[in-house]
C-alpha atoms as a PDB file:
ATOM      1  CA  MET A   1      11.493  58.174  25.817  1.00  0.00           C
ATOM      2  CA  GLU A   2       8.902  55.671  28.027  1.00  0.00           C
ATOM      3  CA  LYS A   3       9.749  56.622  31.332  1.00  0.00           C
ATOM      4  CA  LEU A   4       9.975  60.986  30.488  1.00  0.00           C
ATOM      5  CA  MET A   5       7.222  60.577  28.488  1.00  0.00           C
ATOM      6  CA  GLY A   6       4.742  58.862  31.613  1.00  0.00           C
ATOM      7  CA  PHE A   7       6.194  62.324  33.301  1.00  0.00           C
ATOM      8  CA  VAL A   8       5.331  64.041  31.071  1.00  0.00           C
ATOM      9  CA  GLY A   9       1.951  62.417  31.130  1.00  0.00           C
ATOM     10  CA  ALA A  10       1.427  62.154  35.078  1.00  0.00           C
ATOM     11  CA  THR A  11       3.314  66.325  35.449  1.00  0.00           C
ATOM     12  CA  VAL A  12      -0.391  67.240  32.883  1.00  0.00           C
ATOM     13  CA  GLY A  13      -3.034  64.318  34.401  1.00  0.00           C
ATOM     14  CA  SER A  14      -2.059  66.074  38.524  1.00  0.00           C
ATOM     15  CA  LEU A  15      -2.076  69.197  37.216  1.00  0.00           C
ATOM     16  CA  ALA A  16      -5.327  68.521  35.199  1.00  0.00           C
ATOM     17  CA  GLY A  17      -7.501  66.956  38.059  1.00  0.00           C
ATOM     18  CA  TRP A  18      -5.648  69.746  40.509  1.00  0.00           C
ATOM     19  CA  TYR A  19      -7.831  72.702  39.363  1.00  0.00           C
ATOM     20  CA  LEU A  20     -10.723  70.224  38.365  1.00  0.00           C
ATOM     21  CA  GLY A  21     -11.492  69.410  41.998  1.00  0.00           C
ATOM     22  CA  GLU A  22      -9.900  72.667  42.778  1.00  0.00           C
ATOM     23  CA  LEU A  23     -12.854  73.242  41.858  1.00  0.00           C
ATOM     24  CA  VAL A  24     -15.133  71.984  44.541  1.00  0.00           C
ATOM     25  CA  GLY A  25     -12.219  71.918  47.869  1.00  0.00           C
ATOM     26  CA  PHE A  26      -9.152  70.794  48.603  1.00  0.00           C
ATOM     27  CA  THR A  27      -9.864  67.259  49.592  1.00  0.00           C
ATOM     28  CA  THR A  28     -11.648  66.515  45.746  1.00  0.00           C
ATOM     29  CA  ALA A  29      -8.120  68.582  44.693  1.00  0.00           C
ATOM     30  CA  VAL A  30      -6.440  65.819  45.773  1.00  0.00           C
ATOM     31  CA  VAL A  31      -7.849  62.913  44.942  1.00  0.00           C
ATOM     32  CA  LEU A  32      -8.047  64.334  40.977  1.00  0.00           C
ATOM     33  CA  SER A  33      -4.717  65.239  41.307  1.00  0.00           C
ATOM     34  CA  MET A  34      -3.149  61.435  42.326  1.00  0.00           C
ATOM     35  CA  VAL A  35      -6.089  59.537  39.507  1.00  0.00           C
ATOM     36  CA  GLY A  36      -5.399  62.040  36.917  1.00  0.00           C
ATOM     37  CA  THR A  37      -1.282  61.485  38.132  1.00  0.00           C
ATOM     38  CA  GLY A  38      -1.368  57.799  37.564  1.00  0.00           C
ATOM     39  CA  PHE A  39      -4.198  58.486  34.058  1.00  0.00           C
ATOM     40  CA  GLY A  40      -1.414  60.983  32.260  1.00  0.00           C
ATOM     41  CA  LEU A  41       1.158  58.075  32.935  1.00  0.00           C
ATOM     42  CA  TRP A  42      -0.384  55.418  31.812  1.00  0.00           C
ATOM     43  CA  ALA A  43      -1.522  57.334  29.005  1.00  0.00           C
ATOM     44  CA  GLY A  44       2.388  58.715  28.535  1.00  0.00           C
ATOM     45  CA  ARG A  45       4.204  55.507  28.317  1.00  0.00           C
ATOM     46  CA  ARG A  46       0.963  54.363  26.029  1.00  0.00           C
ATOM     47  CA  LEU A  47       1.379  57.046  23.810  1.00  0.00           C
ATOM     48  CA  THR A  48       4.809  56.388  23.713  1.00  0.00           C
ATOM     49  CA  GLN A  49       4.458  52.146  22.941  1.00  0.00           C
ATOM     50  CA  ARG A  50       2.672  52.974  20.009  1.00  0.00           C
ATOM     51  CA  TRP A  51       4.236  55.946  18.577  1.00  0.00           C
ATOM     52  CA  MET A  52       7.661  53.549  18.779  1.00  0.00           C
ATOM     53  CA  GLU A  53       5.555  50.851  16.994  1.00  0.00           C
ATOM     54  CA  SER A  54       5.124  52.373  14.124  1.00  0.00           C
END
């Protein structure tokens, strides 16, 4: 479950970063997409860990 939620979080974070960065330019979109992927992966796995503890 943790890996699945990490994947979902990474996908959502990547999309959010891409669309925000696209407002500025292509290179910014690529960079923010990578940042969003990392943040989404972290958030998805952390959410799952907290959910499994309770």
